[in-house]
């Protein structure tokens, strides 16, 4: 059947109808897992498999706070490979290039279904090639929390990397050799998985700061290293140095100011891409120049945001994940740097999630189309390169959602008649800022009225597409896709789009 975006979705699942349809539904919560009196202490990853009888067909979950430095998912995958366990579903909150071992497990049928919010690197390639026997389901960060808490994603065993754990099973992300900061993506797994294992390289008598409550922890495993905390910093979490990207960021900040968004008490978030982070820097400069104080910044945080907090330009940071080691230190030392769960961050059924209080969010795009639908999941050939993460959550919640991008990347136009894959629906996207001009979604009549006398270059998105074609030419149609390999799940559990085998 077709959903309201004109995309084919399975007849057996609910297709996306609108970004606000979920508001009429009641929140569903399964019971939290039973409280544990005293956790077991196990001596190896292998012992987890023996103690909890990990076997064919089970679902295992993980978090990604160590990002490209995580070693726990890899260690578990190696044990799965060694034991020859088959038909597993894995549910890591994200998958990174260092998780290449997943390739072997997909090809051998050890892993047959994957549910995640983001996938980049070698593990994506066998899925593109149609070698995953089941399906890849791509959630949003808030949508994953909703799925776990509602029972849509039942987890047999959550195996959670934790930098430091104490004798009572309490875990901390701010202490130890592998300190990575907040552990917001692990909170739903902790409270709703049938069994919860904390894997650590540091055990102490008592942690100073509790991020994972020991009453939910069934067992603790100490290994030599859970990973490399330097891996939380990657190329997608560094500000751009490209002059074109910096111009786009300045124009975005100017737009927000002229639209009346940057004013006392405003709140904000930017994506992890280089240009989006440059928007944060441009907004900070504007705040200092015009002496405007904000209320909060949120999301995955980094040094750009911790500077805002330290210098008093915002009152609080609400943090689901630390993107660099400066953010880790800030969370440890500053009481106004506040950890939140993925559910509190963006679960559409959470009462007043943080994303709903954002004045603006600035995000990136791989593609955007004439209806303002955005793709950050695949490239223009349909190959997996990322995923929503918090993209769709914040786009819906924020008062204004700005997409920042150049008109062409690698000689391919970014604006398409129809995006290859819909990650975020156009009704949640308000403004596109490029180096050649700014387009406002026609739905936002209020913004069109506010900006009609702006000194910024305001154009239609069709006009911007025409300019991009002058730069890059009109792209050739991509080949017809093969079988369905996965589904793009909107934050409320409805289906936005399908993923396909790419030859």
Protein backbone atom coordinates (compact mmCIF):
# COMPACT_ATOMS: atom_id res chain seq x y z
CA UNK A 1 0.00 0.00 0.00
CA UNK A 2 1.00 3.67 -0.26
CA UNK A 3 1.37 5.93 2.75
CA UNK A 4 0.48 9.63 2.71
CA UNK A 5 3.93 10.44 1.28
CA UNK A 6 3.32 8.22 -1.73
CA UNK A 7 5.81 5.58 -0.58
CA UNK A 8 5.15 1.84 -0.72
CA UNK A 9 4.93 0.24 2.73
CA UNK A 10 3.92 -3.29 3.80
CA UNK A 11 0.18 -3.90 4.04
CA UNK A 12 0.66 -5.52 7.43
CA UNK A 13 2.15 -2.36 9.03
CA UNK A 14 0.80 1.11 9.68
CA UNK A 15 1.91 3.56 7.04
CA UNK A 16 2.81 7.14 7.91
CA UNK A 17 -0.14 9.50 7.62
CA UNK A 18 1.01 12.72 9.31
CA UNK A 19 3.54 13.96 11.82
CA UNK A 20 0.83 14.69 14.36
CA UNK A 21 -1.36 11.60 14.03
CA UNK A 22 0.19 9.99 17.11
CA UNK A 23 -1.08 12.77 19.38
CA UNK A 24 -4.51 11.17 19.51
CA UNK A 25 -3.16 7.85 20.75
CA UNK A 26 -2.52 6.79 24.32
CA UNK A 27 0.95 5.93 25.54
CA UNK A 28 1.59 2.19 25.93
CA UNK A 29 4.09 0.99 28.52
CA UNK A 30 5.08 -2.58 29.26
CA UNK A 31 6.10 -3.33 32.88
CA UNK A 32 9.65 -2.46 33.83
CA UNK A 33 11.92 -5.40 34.51
CA UNK A 34 11.95 -6.82 38.02
CA UNK A 35 14.23 -5.19 40.58
CA UNK A 36 17.42 -7.18 41.15
CA UNK A 37 18.54 -7.75 44.74
CA UNK A 38 22.22 -8.35 44.03
CA UNK A 39 23.98 -8.59 40.66
CA UNK A 40 26.05 -11.58 39.62
CA UNK A 41 29.74 -11.07 38.86
CA UNK A 42 30.86 -12.88 35.72
CA UNK A 43 34.41 -13.17 34.47
CA UNK A 44 34.05 -12.97 30.68
CA UNK A 45 31.81 -12.24 27.73
CA UNK A 46 31.61 -15.99 27.21
CA UNK A 47 30.16 -16.40 30.70
CA UNK A 48 27.18 -14.22 29.72
CA UNK A 49 26.27 -16.73 27.03
CA UNK A 50 26.56 -19.65 29.47
CA UNK A 51 24.68 -18.01 32.35
CA UNK A 52 21.79 -16.65 30.29
CA UNK A 53 21.66 -19.36 27.63
CA UNK A 54 21.97 -17.06 24.65
CA UNK A 55 20.68 -19.11 21.76
CA UNK A 56 19.20 -19.00 18.27
CA UNK A 57 16.49 -16.42 17.64
CA UNK A 58 17.10 -14.13 20.63
CA UNK A 59 17.27 -10.32 20.58
CA UNK A 60 20.34 -8.59 22.03
CA UNK A 61 20.63 -4.83 22.49
CA UNK A 62 23.55 -2.43 22.88
CA UNK A 63 24.16 1.32 23.08
CA UNK A 64 26.61 3.45 21.09
CA UNK A 65 27.98 6.01 23.56
CA UNK A 66 31.54 4.96 22.73
CA UNK A 67 30.64 5.45 19.05
CA UNK A 68 33.55 4.43 16.80
CA UNK A 69 35.56 3.34 19.84
CA UNK A 70 33.13 0.72 21.17
CA UNK A 71 34.59 -2.71 21.84
CA UNK A 72 31.69 -4.45 23.59
CA UNK A 73 29.44 -5.05 20.57
CA UNK A 74 32.45 -6.44 18.73
CA UNK A 75 33.36 -8.78 21.60
CA UNK A 76 29.81 -10.13 21.77
CA UNK A 77 29.75 -10.60 17.99
CA UNK A 78 32.98 -12.58 18.18
CA UNK A 79 31.43 -14.89 20.77
CA UNK A 80 28.33 -15.34 18.60
CA UNK A 81 30.60 -16.24 15.69
CA UNK A 82 32.63 -18.69 17.78
CA UNK A 83 29.53 -20.47 19.10
CA UNK A 84 27.74 -20.50 15.74
CA UNK A 85 24.50 -19.08 17.13
CA UNK A 86 22.02 -18.28 14.35
CA UNK A 87 19.03 -16.10 13.51
CA UNK A 88 19.73 -13.39 16.08
CA UNK A 89 18.25 -9.92 16.10
CA UNK A 90 20.65 -7.24 17.26
CA UNK A 91 19.40 -3.83 18.37
CA UNK A 92 22.32 -1.45 18.86
CA UNK A 93 21.25 2.19 19.09
CA UNK A 94 23.82 2.87 16.31
CA UNK A 95 26.42 0.98 14.28
CA UNK A 96 29.79 2.48 13.34
CA UNK A 97 32.68 1.61 10.99
CA UNK A 98 34.61 -0.19 13.73
CA UNK A 99 31.78 -2.75 14.00
CA UNK A 100 32.92 -4.45 10.78
CA UNK A 101 32.66 -7.91 12.37
CA UNK A 102 28.90 -7.67 11.80
CA UNK A 103 29.57 -8.26 8.08
CA UNK A 104 30.67 -11.86 8.69
CA UNK A 105 27.70 -12.54 10.94
CA UNK A 106 25.19 -11.24 8.40
CA UNK A 107 26.68 -13.34 5.60
CA UNK A 108 26.79 -16.49 7.79
CA UNK A 109 23.21 -16.04 9.05
CA UNK A 110 24.21 -15.48 12.67
CA UNK A 111 22.47 -12.11 12.53
CA UNK A 112 19.29 -12.08 10.45
CA UNK A 113 17.52 -8.92 11.68
CA UNK A 114 18.89 -5.55 12.79
CA UNK A 115 17.10 -2.68 14.49
CA UNK A 116 19.08 0.53 14.88
CA UNK A 117 18.91 4.31 14.51
CA UNK A 118 22.06 4.82 12.42
CA UNK A 119 24.43 2.63 10.42
CA UNK A 120 27.61 3.66 8.71
CA UNK A 121 30.61 1.71 7.49
CA UNK A 122 31.26 -1.89 6.40
CA UNK A 123 28.23 -3.36 8.19
CA UNK A 124 25.95 -1.47 5.80
CA UNK A 125 27.34 -3.08 2.64
CA UNK A 126 25.91 -6.62 2.94
CA UNK A 127 22.52 -5.08 3.72
CA UNK A 128 22.73 -2.98 0.54
CA UNK A 129 23.61 -6.21 -1.30
CA UNK A 130 20.50 -7.98 0.04
CA UNK A 131 22.43 -10.47 2.19
CA UNK A 132 20.58 -9.80 5.44
CA UNK A 133 18.05 -12.64 5.62
CA UNK A 134 15.49 -10.60 7.53
CA UNK A 135 15.02 -6.83 7.69
CA UNK A 136 16.83 -3.73 8.85
CA UNK A 137 14.48 -1.46 10.81
CA UNK A 138 15.69 2.13 11.15
CA UNK A 139 14.23 4.04 14.12
CA UNK A 140 14.72 7.55 15.42
CA UNK A 141 16.39 8.03 18.80
CA UNK A 142 13.08 8.87 20.44
CA UNK A 143 11.31 6.21 18.40
CA UNK A 144 13.68 3.48 19.63
CA UNK A 145 12.84 4.39 23.23
CA UNK A 146 9.14 4.28 22.35
CA UNK A 147 9.54 0.88 20.69
CA UNK A 148 11.31 -0.61 23.72
CA UNK A 149 8.93 0.85 26.30
CA UNK A 150 5.81 -0.17 24.34
CA UNK A 151 6.97 -3.72 23.66
CA UNK A 152 7.36 -3.18 19.90
CA UNK A 153 11.05 -4.01 20.41
CA UNK A 154 11.24 -6.78 23.02
CA UNK A 155 14.81 -7.31 24.26
CA UNK A 156 15.96 -10.61 25.72
CA UNK A 157 19.34 -9.38 26.93
CA UNK A 158 20.79 -5.86 27.00
CA UNK A 159 24.59 -5.94 27.04
CA UNK A 160 25.65 -2.42 27.96
CA UNK A 161 29.16 -1.00 27.96
CA UNK A 162 29.71 1.04 31.12
CA UNK A 163 32.95 2.85 31.97
CA UNK A 164 32.74 2.23 35.75
CA UNK A 165 30.51 -0.04 37.82
CA UNK A 166 30.31 -0.46 41.59
CA UNK A 167 29.65 -3.53 43.72
CA UNK A 168 25.90 -2.80 43.79
CA UNK A 169 25.67 -2.67 40.01
CA UNK A 170 25.43 1.11 39.71
CA UNK A 171 27.11 2.38 36.56
CA UNK A 172 28.82 5.69 35.81
CA UNK A 173 29.79 7.20 32.47
CA UNK A 174 32.05 9.86 33.96
CA UNK A 175 34.66 7.70 35.72
CA UNK A 176 37.30 5.22 34.62
CA UNK A 177 39.64 4.77 31.68
CA UNK A 178 36.80 4.70 29.17
CA UNK A 179 34.69 7.60 30.47
CA UNK A 180 32.27 8.65 27.72
CA UNK A 181 29.81 10.86 29.61
CA UNK A 182 26.04 10.52 29.62
CA UNK A 183 24.41 7.16 28.90
CA UNK A 184 20.99 8.32 27.72
CA UNK A 185 20.48 5.74 24.98
CA UNK A 186 20.92 2.86 27.44
CA UNK A 187 18.13 3.92 29.80
CA UNK A 188 15.23 2.19 28.05
CA UNK A 189 17.28 -1.01 27.60
CA UNK A 190 18.21 -0.88 31.29
CA UNK A 191 14.64 -0.63 32.51
CA UNK A 192 12.78 -2.84 30.02
CA UNK A 193 15.09 -5.61 28.79
CA UNK A 194 14.43 -9.01 30.35
CA UNK A 195 18.05 -9.27 31.48
CA UNK A 196 20.66 -6.50 31.78
CA UNK A 197 24.41 -7.03 31.78
CA UNK A 198 26.88 -4.21 32.40
CA UNK A 199 30.28 -4.76 30.80
CA UNK A 200 33.05 -2.63 32.28
CA UNK A 201 36.80 -2.33 32.57
CA UNK A 202 36.66 -0.60 35.97
CA UNK A 203 34.96 -1.83 39.14
CA UNK A 204 34.95 0.33 42.28
CA UNK A 205 33.33 0.10 45.71
CA UNK A 206 30.99 3.01 44.99
CA UNK A 207 30.59 5.22 41.93
CA UNK A 208 30.50 8.97 42.51
CA UNK A 209 27.74 9.63 40.00
CA UNK A 210 25.07 7.09 39.06
CA UNK A 211 24.06 6.97 35.39
CA UNK A 212 22.72 3.40 35.32
CA UNK A 213 20.73 2.30 38.37
CA UNK A 214 22.00 -0.96 39.81
CA UNK A 215 18.54 -2.17 40.79
CA UNK A 216 17.94 -3.13 37.16
CA UNK A 217 21.30 -4.87 36.63
CA UNK A 218 21.39 -8.67 36.60
CA UNK A 219 25.12 -9.14 36.11
CA UNK A 220 28.45 -7.36 35.83
CA UNK A 221 31.33 -8.45 33.60
CA UNK A 222 34.80 -6.96 33.89
CA UNK A 223 37.03 -7.13 30.82
CA UNK A 224 40.38 -5.53 30.00
CA UNK A 225 38.88 -2.71 27.91
CA UNK A 226 35.38 -1.75 26.78
CA UNK A 227 36.79 0.48 24.05
CA UNK A 228 38.53 3.71 23.19
CA UNK A 229 36.81 6.89 24.45
CA UNK A 230 38.69 8.87 21.80
CA UNK A 231 36.38 7.13 19.34
CA UNK A 232 33.42 9.24 20.45
CA UNK A 233 34.97 12.06 18.41
CA UNK A 234 34.55 11.54 14.66
CA UNK A 235 34.60 13.54 11.47
CA UNK A 236 30.86 14.19 11.75
CA UNK A 237 31.25 15.94 15.10
CA UNK A 238 33.73 18.64 14.08
CA UNK A 239 32.90 22.13 12.86
CA UNK A 240 33.47 22.75 9.15
CA UNK A 241 36.39 24.92 8.00
CA UNK A 242 34.99 25.23 4.48
CA UNK A 243 34.26 28.91 3.66
CA UNK A 244 31.06 27.94 1.84
CA UNK A 245 29.82 25.98 4.84
CA UNK A 246 30.68 28.87 7.14
CA UNK A 247 28.71 31.28 4.92
CA UNK A 248 25.69 28.96 5.06
CA UNK A 249 25.99 28.88 8.85
CA UNK A 250 26.13 32.68 9.09
CA UNK A 251 23.09 33.02 6.83
CA UNK A 252 21.20 30.50 8.95
CA UNK A 253 22.00 32.47 12.11
CA UNK A 254 20.96 35.72 10.41
CA UNK A 255 17.72 34.13 9.28
CA UNK A 256 16.93 32.97 12.80
CA UNK A 257 17.62 36.40 14.22
CA UNK A 258 15.57 38.22 11.59
CA UNK A 259 12.71 35.75 12.11
CA UNK A 260 12.68 36.67 15.79
CA UNK A 261 13.85 33.26 17.02
CA UNK A 262 17.13 34.30 18.64
CA UNK A 263 15.78 36.31 21.54
CA UNK A 264 16.08 36.14 25.34
CA UNK A 265 15.18 32.69 26.62
CA UNK A 266 15.41 30.84 23.29
CA UNK A 267 16.55 27.22 23.10
CA UNK A 268 18.43 25.33 20.42
CA UNK A 269 20.01 22.22 19.01
CA UNK A 270 22.18 21.57 15.99
CA UNK A 271 23.04 18.33 14.27
CA UNK A 272 26.45 16.69 14.45
CA UNK A 273 27.51 17.63 10.90
CA UNK A 274 30.19 20.22 10.29
CA UNK A 275 27.91 22.92 8.85
CA UNK A 276 25.24 22.35 11.51
CA UNK A 277 27.89 22.79 14.20
CA UNK A 278 29.05 25.96 12.46
CA UNK A 279 25.51 27.28 12.97
CA UNK A 280 26.01 26.78 16.71
CA UNK A 281 29.23 28.80 16.53
CA UNK A 282 27.55 31.55 14.50
CA UNK A 283 24.63 31.72 16.94
CA UNK A 284 27.05 31.90 19.87
CA UNK A 285 28.83 34.84 18.22
CA UNK A 286 25.48 36.57 17.72
CA UNK A 287 24.50 35.93 21.34
CA UNK A 288 27.71 37.55 22.55
CA UNK A 289 27.48 40.50 20.14
CA UNK A 290 23.86 41.24 20.96
CA UNK A 291 24.01 40.11 24.60
CA UNK A 292 21.21 37.56 24.22
CA UNK A 293 20.97 34.81 26.84
CA UNK A 294 19.26 31.50 26.00
CA UNK A 295 17.48 29.00 28.23
CA UNK A 296 18.96 25.67 27.13
CA UNK A 297 20.69 23.68 24.43
CA UNK A 298 20.08 19.97 23.98
CA UNK A 299 20.95 16.77 22.19
CA UNK A 300 24.33 15.22 21.82
CA UNK A 301 26.64 17.88 23.26
CA UNK A 302 30.17 18.99 22.52
CA UNK A 303 32.67 21.71 23.39
CA UNK A 304 30.75 24.37 21.45
CA UNK A 305 27.80 23.89 23.75
CA UNK A 306 29.78 23.43 26.96
CA UNK A 307 31.42 26.81 26.28
CA UNK A 308 27.95 28.38 26.06
CA UNK A 309 27.10 26.88 29.43
CA UNK A 310 30.41 27.71 31.07
CA UNK A 311 30.24 31.32 29.89
CA UNK A 312 26.64 31.70 31.07
CA UNK A 313 24.96 32.13 27.68
CA UNK A 314 22.54 29.27 28.38
CA UNK A 315 21.18 28.15 31.73
CA UNK A 316 21.29 24.38 31.12
CA UNK A 317 22.45 21.68 28.76
CA UNK A 318 20.18 18.65 28.37
CA UNK A 319 22.40 15.86 27.17
CA UNK A 320 21.58 12.40 25.85
CA UNK A 321 25.12 11.75 24.53
CA UNK A 322 28.56 13.39 24.74
CA UNK A 323 30.18 14.03 21.36
CA UNK A 324 33.65 14.91 22.64
CA UNK A 325 35.79 14.63 25.74
CA UNK A 326 35.18 18.27 26.71
CA UNK A 327 31.50 17.41 27.01
CA UNK A 328 32.39 14.40 29.17
CA UNK A 329 34.29 16.66 31.56
CA UNK A 330 31.50 19.23 31.59
CA UNK A 331 28.88 16.62 32.45
CA UNK A 332 31.07 15.34 35.28
CA UNK A 333 31.78 18.76 36.78
CA UNK A 334 28.83 21.07 36.01
CA UNK A 335 25.48 20.49 37.71
CA UNK A 336 23.71 22.45 34.94
CA UNK A 337 24.89 19.89 32.39
CA UNK A 338 22.01 17.47 32.84
CA UNK A 339 21.74 13.90 31.57
CA UNK A 340 18.47 12.84 29.94
CA UNK A 341 17.25 9.54 28.54
CA UNK A 342 16.44 9.05 24.87
CA UNK A 343 12.81 8.84 25.95
CA UNK A 344 12.89 12.17 27.76
CA UNK A 345 14.73 13.58 24.77
CA UNK A 346 12.46 12.58 21.91
CA UNK A 347 9.90 9.85 22.64
CA UNK A 348 6.67 11.18 21.07
CA UNK A 349 4.62 9.61 23.88
CA UNK A 350 6.77 11.08 26.66
CA UNK A 351 4.98 13.96 28.41
CA UNK A 352 6.75 17.11 27.22
CA UNK A 353 9.93 15.67 25.67
CA UNK A 354 12.84 18.09 25.41
CA UNK A 355 12.62 18.33 21.61
CA UNK A 356 9.16 19.87 21.92
CA UNK A 357 10.66 22.88 23.73
CA UNK A 358 13.27 23.75 21.09
CA UNK A 359 13.05 27.19 19.52
CA UNK A 360 15.06 25.92 16.56
CA UNK A 361 17.10 23.01 15.31
CA UNK A 362 19.68 23.16 12.51
CA UNK A 363 20.21 19.87 10.69
CA UNK A 364 21.99 18.51 7.63
CA UNK A 365 20.75 16.62 4.57
CA UNK A 366 22.03 14.15 2.02
CA UNK A 367 19.04 15.06 -0.15
CA UNK A 368 15.98 17.29 0.14
CA UNK A 369 13.10 17.34 -2.31
CA UNK A 370 10.55 19.81 -3.59
CA UNK A 371 8.17 18.77 -0.79
CA UNK A 372 10.94 19.40 1.79
CA UNK A 373 11.27 15.69 2.61
CA UNK A 374 14.83 15.03 3.82
CA UNK A 375 17.11 12.02 3.41
CA UNK A 376 20.03 11.40 5.76
CA UNK A 377 19.80 7.59 5.62
CA UNK A 378 21.12 6.75 2.14
CA UNK A 379 23.10 8.37 -0.62
CA UNK A 380 21.48 9.18 -3.96
CA UNK A 381 22.06 5.61 -5.14
CA UNK A 382 20.20 4.23 -2.14
CA UNK A 383 23.24 2.92 -0.28
CA UNK A 384 23.15 3.15 3.51
CA UNK A 385 25.30 5.94 4.97
CA UNK A 386 23.59 6.98 8.20
CA UNK A 387 20.11 7.26 9.65
CA UNK A 388 17.77 9.56 11.48
CA UNK A 389 19.23 9.52 14.95
CA UNK A 390 17.51 12.56 16.41
CA UNK A 391 16.84 14.18 13.01
CA UNK A 392 13.12 13.41 12.75
CA UNK A 393 12.54 13.83 16.50
CA UNK A 394 13.93 17.35 16.62
CA UNK A 395 12.50 18.35 13.25
CA UNK A 396 9.02 17.64 14.55
CA UNK A 397 9.51 19.15 17.99
CA UNK A 398 11.29 22.42 17.20
CA UNK A 399 9.44 25.64 16.41
CA UNK A 400 11.66 26.09 13.36
CA UNK A 401 13.63 23.36 11.60
CA UNK A 402 16.44 24.58 9.35
CA UNK A 403 18.31 22.34 6.91
CA UNK A 404 21.80 23.58 6.03
CA UNK A 405 23.59 22.23 2.97
CA UNK A 406 25.46 23.17 -0.17
CA UNK A 407 23.48 22.85 -3.40
CA UNK A 408 25.75 20.08 -4.69
CA UNK A 409 28.01 17.47 -3.13
CA UNK A 410 30.43 15.34 -5.12
CA UNK A 411 28.92 16.93 -8.27
CA UNK A 412 25.45 15.66 -7.37
CA UNK A 413 22.57 18.07 -6.72
CA UNK A 414 21.16 17.93 -3.20
CA UNK A 415 17.67 19.11 -4.17
CA UNK A 416 15.71 16.38 -5.93
CA UNK A 417 12.22 16.13 -7.29
CA UNK A 418 11.83 13.17 -4.91
CA UNK A 419 14.43 12.05 -2.38
CA UNK A 420 15.73 8.51 -2.68
CA UNK A 421 14.77 7.68 0.91
CA UNK A 422 12.56 9.66 3.28
CA UNK A 423 14.11 10.04 6.71
CA UNK A 424 12.21 13.14 7.86
CA UNK A 425 8.86 14.13 6.34
CA UNK A 426 8.59 17.54 4.72
CA UNK A 427 5.80 18.75 6.98
CA UNK A 428 8.40 18.79 9.81
CA UNK A 429 10.93 20.85 7.80
CA UNK A 430 10.60 24.64 7.56
CA UNK A 431 13.66 26.23 5.94
CA UNK A 432 16.49 25.24 3.58
CA UNK A 433 19.65 27.36 3.74
CA UNK A 434 22.21 26.99 0.92
CA UNK A 435 25.14 29.05 -0.35
CA UNK A 436 22.98 30.48 -3.16
CA UNK A 437 19.81 31.25 -1.28
CA UNK A 438 17.19 30.29 1.30
CA UNK A 439 13.90 28.49 0.66
CA UNK A 440 10.97 28.54 3.09
CA UNK A 441 8.44 25.72 3.15
CA UNK A 442 5.16 27.17 1.77
CA UNK A 443 3.42 25.68 4.82
CA UNK A 444 5.17 28.34 6.92
CA UNK A 445 3.19 31.37 5.79
CA UNK A 446 4.25 33.13 9.00
CA UNK A 447 7.95 32.87 8.08
CA UNK A 448 7.32 33.98 4.50
CA UNK A 449 5.58 37.07 5.85
CA UNK A 450 8.34 37.84 8.39
CA UNK A 451 11.09 37.50 5.80
CA UNK A 452 9.50 39.28 2.84
CA UNK A 453 11.68 42.38 3.41
CA UNK A 454 14.81 40.49 4.47
CA UNK A 455 18.20 41.36 3.03
CA UNK A 456 18.84 37.61 2.73
CA UNK A 457 18.25 35.90 -0.62
CA UNK A 458 14.86 34.22 -0.29
CA UNK A 459 13.86 31.93 -3.17
CA UNK A 460 11.56 29.00 -3.82
CA UNK A 461 13.00 25.53 -3.52
CA UNK A 462 12.25 24.99 -7.23
CA UNK A 463 14.40 28.02 -8.08
CA UNK A 464 17.22 26.65 -5.95
CA UNK A 465 16.93 23.28 -7.70
CA UNK A 466 17.23 24.99 -11.09
CA UNK A 467 20.42 26.73 -9.94
CA UNK A 468 21.82 23.44 -8.68
CA UNK A 469 21.19 21.84 -12.06
CA UNK A 470 23.22 24.62 -13.69
CA UNK A 471 26.09 23.67 -11.38
CA UNK A 472 25.91 19.89 -11.50
CA UNK A 473 23.60 19.02 -14.36
CA UNK A 474 20.42 16.96 -14.11
CA UNK A 475 21.24 13.61 -12.49
CA UNK A 476 20.50 10.40 -14.34
CA UNK A 477 17.78 8.18 -12.96
CA UNK A 478 19.11 5.47 -10.66
CA UNK A 479 18.64 1.82 -11.50
CA UNK A 480 15.50 0.04 -10.39
CA UNK A 481 16.04 -1.32 -6.88
CA UNK A 482 15.93 -4.98 -5.93
CA UNK A 483 14.16 -6.65 -3.02
CA UNK A 484 13.13 -4.82 0.15
CA UNK A 485 15.95 -4.87 2.70
CA UNK A 486 14.56 -2.62 5.42
CA UNK A 487 12.04 -0.09 6.67
CA UNK A 488 12.29 3.53 7.77
CA UNK A 489 10.22 3.81 10.95
CA UNK A 490 8.86 7.20 11.99
CA UNK A 491 9.09 8.10 15.66
CA UNK A 492 5.51 6.92 16.37
CA UNK A 493 6.07 3.48 14.81
CA UNK A 494 4.47 4.18 11.43
CA UNK A 495 6.42 3.42 8.25
CA UNK A 496 7.87 6.29 6.22
CA UNK A 497 9.64 4.36 3.49
CA UNK A 498 11.34 1.14 2.45
CA UNK A 499 15.00 0.35 1.81
CA UNK A 500 15.97 -1.74 -1.19
CA UNK A 501 18.77 -3.96 -2.41
CA UNK A 502 21.20 -1.94 -4.51
CA UNK A 503 23.15 -3.69 -7.26
